[in-house]
Structure formats: C-alpha cells, structure tokens
Protein backbone atom coordinates (compact mmCIF):
# COMPACT_ATOMS: atom_id res chain seq x y z
CA MET A 1 -0.01 0.02 -0.02
CA LEU A 2 3.03 2.33 -0.12
CA TRP A 3 1.93 3.50 -3.56
CA THR A 4 -1.02 5.25 -1.96
CA ALA A 5 1.43 7.58 -0.10
CA PHE A 6 2.92 8.85 -3.34
CA VAL A 7 -0.50 9.29 -4.92
CA ILE A 8 -1.79 11.18 -1.90
CA GLY A 9 1.25 13.49 -2.07
CA LEU A 10 1.01 13.98 -5.85
CA VAL A 11 -2.75 14.70 -5.95
CA GLY A 12 -2.87 16.24 -2.50
CA SER A 13 -0.14 18.76 -3.40
CA LEU A 14 -3.07 20.71 -4.88
CA HIS A 15 -3.95 21.36 -1.23
CA CYS A 16 -0.31 22.25 -0.52
CA ALA A 17 -0.40 24.84 -3.30
CA GLY A 18 -3.19 26.68 -1.50
CA MET A 19 -1.79 26.29 2.05
CA CYS A 20 1.98 26.49 1.64
CA GLY A 21 2.13 28.43 -1.63
CA PRO A 22 2.69 31.84 0.02
CA ILE A 23 5.70 30.48 1.91
CA ALA A 24 7.08 28.72 -1.15
CA VAL A 25 7.00 31.74 -3.41
CA SER A 26 8.48 33.95 -0.67
CA LEU A 27 11.75 32.04 -0.32
CA PRO A 28 14.76 34.39 -0.33
CA GLY A 29 17.46 34.11 -2.93
CA GLY A 30 16.13 35.64 -6.12
CA LYS A 31 15.17 34.04 -9.42
CA ALA A 32 18.70 32.95 -10.36
CA GLY A 33 18.90 30.36 -7.61
CA MET A 34 15.24 29.50 -7.34
CA LEU A 35 15.64 25.95 -8.63
CA TYR A 36 18.38 25.29 -6.13
CA SER A 37 16.52 26.85 -3.21
CA SER A 38 13.32 25.05 -4.22
CA LEU A 39 15.05 21.65 -4.15
CA LEU A 40 16.60 22.41 -0.76
CA TYR A 41 13.18 23.57 0.60
CA ASN A 42 11.32 20.48 -0.66
CA THR A 43 14.13 18.17 0.54
CA GLY A 44 13.80 19.68 3.99
CA ARG A 45 10.04 19.08 4.00
CA THR A 46 10.46 15.47 2.90
CA ILE A 47 13.05 14.81 5.61
CA THR A 48 10.68 16.13 8.26
CA TYR A 49 7.90 13.88 6.94
CA ALA A 50 10.28 10.89 7.10
CA LEU A 51 11.18 11.73 10.70
CA LEU A 52 7.51 11.98 11.52
CA GLY A 53 7.17 8.55 9.94
CA LEU A 54 9.78 7.21 12.38
CA PHE A 55 7.81 8.45 15.36
CA ILE A 56 4.46 7.27 13.83
CA GLY A 57 6.01 3.88 13.10
CA LEU A 58 6.95 3.35 16.72
CA VAL A 59 3.39 4.25 17.77
CA GLY A 60 1.95 2.06 15.02
CA LYS A 61 4.11 -0.89 16.11
CA ALA A 62 2.75 -0.59 19.67
CA VAL A 63 -0.77 -0.52 18.22
CA PHE A 64 -0.03 -3.62 16.12
CA LEU A 65 1.37 -5.52 19.04
CA ALA A 66 -1.75 -4.62 21.05
CA GLY A 67 -3.93 -6.13 18.25
CA LEU A 68 -5.71 -2.81 17.61
CA GLN A 69 -4.49 -2.11 14.09
CA THR A 70 -7.67 -3.23 12.39
CA TRP A 71 -9.92 -1.09 14.58
CA LEU A 72 -7.58 1.87 14.26
CA SER A 73 -7.60 1.70 10.50
CA VAL A 74 -11.37 1.46 10.28
CA GLY A 75 -11.79 4.14 12.91
CA MET A 76 -9.54 6.61 11.10
CA GLY A 77 -11.40 5.92 7.90
CA VAL A 78 -14.72 6.65 9.50
CA LEU A 79 -13.24 9.79 11.12
CA LEU A 80 -12.14 11.10 7.75
CA LEU A 81 -15.62 10.50 6.32
CA ILE A 82 -17.12 12.50 9.21
CA ILE A 83 -14.64 15.33 8.51
CA VAL A 84 -15.77 15.36 4.86
CA ALA A 85 -19.48 15.09 5.71
CA PHE A 86 -19.45 17.97 8.16
CA SER A 87 -16.76 20.07 6.40
CA VAL A 88 -14.55 20.13 9.51
CA ASN A 89 -11.55 22.41 9.22
CA VAL A 90 -8.91 20.23 10.81
CA GLU A 91 -6.25 22.90 10.98
CA GLN A 92 -8.48 25.41 12.77
CA ARG A 93 -9.82 22.75 15.21
CA LEU A 94 -6.28 21.72 16.10
CA LEU A 95 -5.26 25.33 16.73
CA THR A 96 -7.91 25.51 19.42
CA LEU A 97 -5.67 23.25 21.44
CA PRO A 98 -3.38 25.40 23.60
CA TRP A 99 -0.20 23.39 23.00
CA MET A 100 -0.80 23.28 19.25
CA ASP A 101 -1.50 26.98 19.12
CA ARG A 102 1.78 27.69 20.99
CA LEU A 103 3.69 25.35 18.62
CA TYR A 104 2.15 27.10 15.57
CA ALA A 105 3.01 30.54 16.92
CA ALA A 106 6.64 29.45 17.60
CA LEU A 107 6.97 27.96 14.09
CA ARG A 108 5.55 31.10 12.47
CA GLN A 109 8.00 33.28 14.44
CA LEU A 110 10.97 31.11 13.31
CA LEU A 111 9.78 31.05 9.70
CA SER A 112 9.33 34.86 9.65
CA ALA A 113 12.89 35.36 10.93
CA MET A 114 14.35 32.89 8.38
CA LEU A 115 12.50 34.46 5.42
CA GLY A 116 14.60 37.52 5.90
CA LYS A 117 17.89 35.63 5.45
CA SER A 118 19.62 33.84 2.58
CA GLY A 119 21.83 30.84 2.08
CA TRP A 120 21.24 27.11 1.59
CA GLN A 121 20.83 26.56 5.36
CA THR A 122 17.87 28.99 5.29
CA HIS A 123 16.09 27.28 2.40
CA PHE A 124 16.67 23.83 3.89
CA GLY A 125 15.66 24.99 7.38
CA ILE A 126 12.43 26.61 6.14
CA GLY A 127 11.54 23.29 4.52
CA LEU A 128 12.22 21.40 7.77
CA LEU A 129 10.01 23.77 9.76
CA ASN A 130 7.29 23.89 7.10
CA GLY A 131 6.88 20.17 7.45
CA LEU A 132 5.73 20.69 11.07
CA LEU A 133 3.04 23.25 10.32
CA PRO A 134 -0.60 22.12 10.94
CA CYS A 135 -1.81 20.56 7.70
CA GLY A 136 -4.79 18.30 7.11
CA LEU A 137 -3.01 16.63 4.14
CA VAL A 138 -0.06 15.63 6.35
CA TYR A 139 -2.42 14.22 8.95
CA MET A 140 -4.14 12.23 6.20
CA ALA A 141 -0.79 10.75 5.32
CA ILE A 142 -0.13 10.05 9.02
CA ALA A 143 -3.38 8.11 9.17
CA GLY A 144 -2.12 5.84 6.43
CA ALA A 145 1.41 5.55 7.94
CA ILE A 146 0.28 4.61 11.37
CA THR A 147 -1.52 1.54 10.01
CA SER A 148 1.28 0.54 7.61
CA GLY A 149 2.53 -2.22 9.94
CA GLY A 150 6.13 -1.33 10.86
CA VAL A 151 8.66 1.40 11.51
CA GLY A 152 10.42 1.01 8.16
CA GLU A 153 7.16 1.01 6.26
CA SER A 154 5.97 4.09 8.10
CA ILE A 155 9.17 6.00 7.31
CA ALA A 156 8.90 4.95 3.65
CA TYR A 157 5.27 5.91 3.55
CA MET A 158 5.84 9.45 4.81
CA ALA A 159 8.95 9.89 2.63
CA LEU A 160 6.99 8.81 -0.49
CA PHE A 161 4.23 11.17 0.50
CA GLY A 162 6.77 14.01 0.67
CA LEU A 163 8.24 13.06 -2.72
CA GLY A 164 4.76 13.05 -4.22
CA THR A 165 4.21 16.69 -3.21
CA ILE A 166 7.43 17.94 -4.85
CA PRO A 167 6.46 18.13 -8.58
CA LEU A 168 3.58 20.60 -8.13
CA MET A 169 5.30 22.54 -5.36
CA LEU A 170 8.45 22.87 -7.45
CA THR A 171 6.34 24.12 -10.37
CA LEU A 172 4.61 26.58 -8.07
CA MET A 173 7.88 27.94 -6.73
CA LEU A 174 9.46 28.33 -10.16
CA ALA A 175 6.32 29.94 -11.63
CA GLY A 176 6.10 32.30 -8.63
CA GLN A 177 3.42 34.97 -8.81
CA ARG A 178 2.33 33.88 -12.28
CA ILE A 179 0.11 31.35 -10.51
CA GLY A 180 -2.54 33.56 -8.91
CA VAL A 181 -3.84 33.32 -5.37
CA ARG A 182 -7.37 32.60 -6.65
CA PHE A 183 -6.08 29.65 -8.69
CA ARG A 184 -4.13 28.24 -5.73
CA SER A 185 -7.18 28.58 -3.51
CA SER A 186 -9.37 26.82 -6.05
CA LEU A 187 -7.04 23.83 -6.00
CA ARG A 188 -8.07 23.14 -2.42
CA LYS A 189 -11.58 22.25 -3.53
CA LEU A 190 -10.33 18.76 -4.35
CA TYR A 191 -9.31 18.21 -0.77
CA PRO A 192 -12.61 16.52 0.31
CA VAL A 193 -12.30 14.11 -2.59
CA LEU A 194 -8.82 13.09 -1.40
CA LEU A 195 -10.13 12.65 2.16
CA THR A 196 -12.93 10.36 0.91
CA ILE A 197 -10.55 8.24 -1.12
CA MET A 198 -8.15 7.91 1.76
CA ALA A 199 -11.04 7.02 4.11
CA ILE A 200 -12.13 4.18 1.75
CA ILE A 201 -8.55 2.87 1.56
CA LEU A 202 -8.26 2.84 5.38
CA ILE A 203 -11.55 1.07 5.88
CA PHE A 204 -10.79 -1.51 3.20
CA ARG A 205 -7.35 -2.12 4.77
CA GLY A 206 -8.95 -2.51 8.22
CA LEU A 207 -11.46 -5.01 6.88
CA ARG A 208 -8.61 -7.00 5.23
CA ILE A 209 -10.01 -6.32 1.70
CA ASP A 210 -7.05 -6.13 -0.71
CA LEU A 211 -7.19 -3.34 -3.23
CA PRO A 212 -6.13 -4.34 -6.82
CA ALA A 213 -2.39 -4.05 -7.45
CA ASP A 214 -3.02 -2.77 -10.98
CA ILE A 215 -5.89 -1.68 -13.22
CA THR A 216 -6.21 -5.01 -15.10
CA LEU A 217 -9.16 -5.89 -12.83
CA TRP A 218 -11.12 -2.94 -14.16
CA THR A 219 -10.26 -3.54 -17.86
CA ASP A 220 -11.61 -7.09 -17.64
CA LEU A 221 -15.13 -5.96 -16.57
CA PRO A 222 -17.88 -6.24 -19.19
CA MET A 223 -18.67 -2.95 -20.83
CA CYS A 224 -22.02 -1.66 -21.96
CA HIS A 225 -22.29 -0.16 -25.44
C-alpha cells in the first residue's frame, strides 16, 4: 500500500499549493537560484515527513502488538468520512488546542525570521520547519502511515508522500506569482475528494479487503455499449 502515499502526495499537493504556496514563493534568494533553493526547501520538507514517519511507526508498532491495528484503520477511515461530511476544518480545530497554538506561533516566528535571510541553510531549514506546520493533508498521510505495519514501512510511507508533493510545489515555486492566489485557492476544492478516497482505503485495509495491485481488474469488466 506504499503506492497510496505517493499518490496522496502527488494529488494532494493541490492542497499544498493553497496552504503552503505563499511560503514557497516567498523564499529568499532571487530568481537565479530559485531551482536550487526550491530543491533544498522540498528536501527539508520530505526529511521532516520521514522523521514523523519514524515516530509514527513506533506508535503504530505498539498498536499492532496490542492487536488494535484493524480497529484503528477502520476508525480513522470513519473519522475522515465524518470530517468530509461535516466540512470540518482540521487545521483550525487543532489550533484551538493550547499546545498546538503555541507550537504554531513558535513555528511562524521562526519562519518569519528565516525568510529575511539567505543561504542554503535558510532554504533547507524553512523546509524542515514547514513540514511541522498544521496541515490536514499531512495528517491524512499520517493516518495511512500509522496503519502501515512497521517502523520502516511508516518511514517509507511518509517519505514517499513528501516526494509526491514535490512536482507541483516545485512548479509553483518556479512559476512564482504567475500562478494567482485565486487559482491556488481553487485547487483546495479537491481536498474533500482526497479525504474520501483515503477513508475508503483505510476502511478496506482494516477489513482486510485487498485493493487491486493494478488496473487490469477494471479492464476485464464487461462494458455496456
């Protein structure tokens, strides 16, 4: 199921374009080194996601040993469906938690200070910090990683998720202001669709229903003409 992580990142980066786009296009360094700084920034984000995968994998291993993995997978799937059905803003709800609000304020302060500097350390560091910002898409990937079955699988899951977000984010950063704010915001409309797909995958995984490894299953179905 590791392929789902890359797909979530690739398609879900539409959400990233709306949420993280302003930070991405504000990176210091000028147009000449934009490709270099963009790669550093996105590498930093991916490393943070992989480190989150390490922590999540340890939690998931404990859940697996306790025999709760099936219920956790189904429960997370149902929770995602509830979020879609009631249009819950995950980021805003999390920021109502005092410790999360303090963490977010500290990250914003650090990011603001770093955006005024230059150098590869700055671009890489901004990426590392950006990976910790409250983001519903990241939490969706975490939901998949925590039920992946092992520490190594969890790290790989989050790393593949990060890699999947890079193509669109790299395009956004190189295009800069030519991609308007309205367009970036409109991309976020696909977010509920992604949540629904991920919810179905988690529920199927919890129920031990294997998803097809390729699309040959669908091409063999009888077609109506």
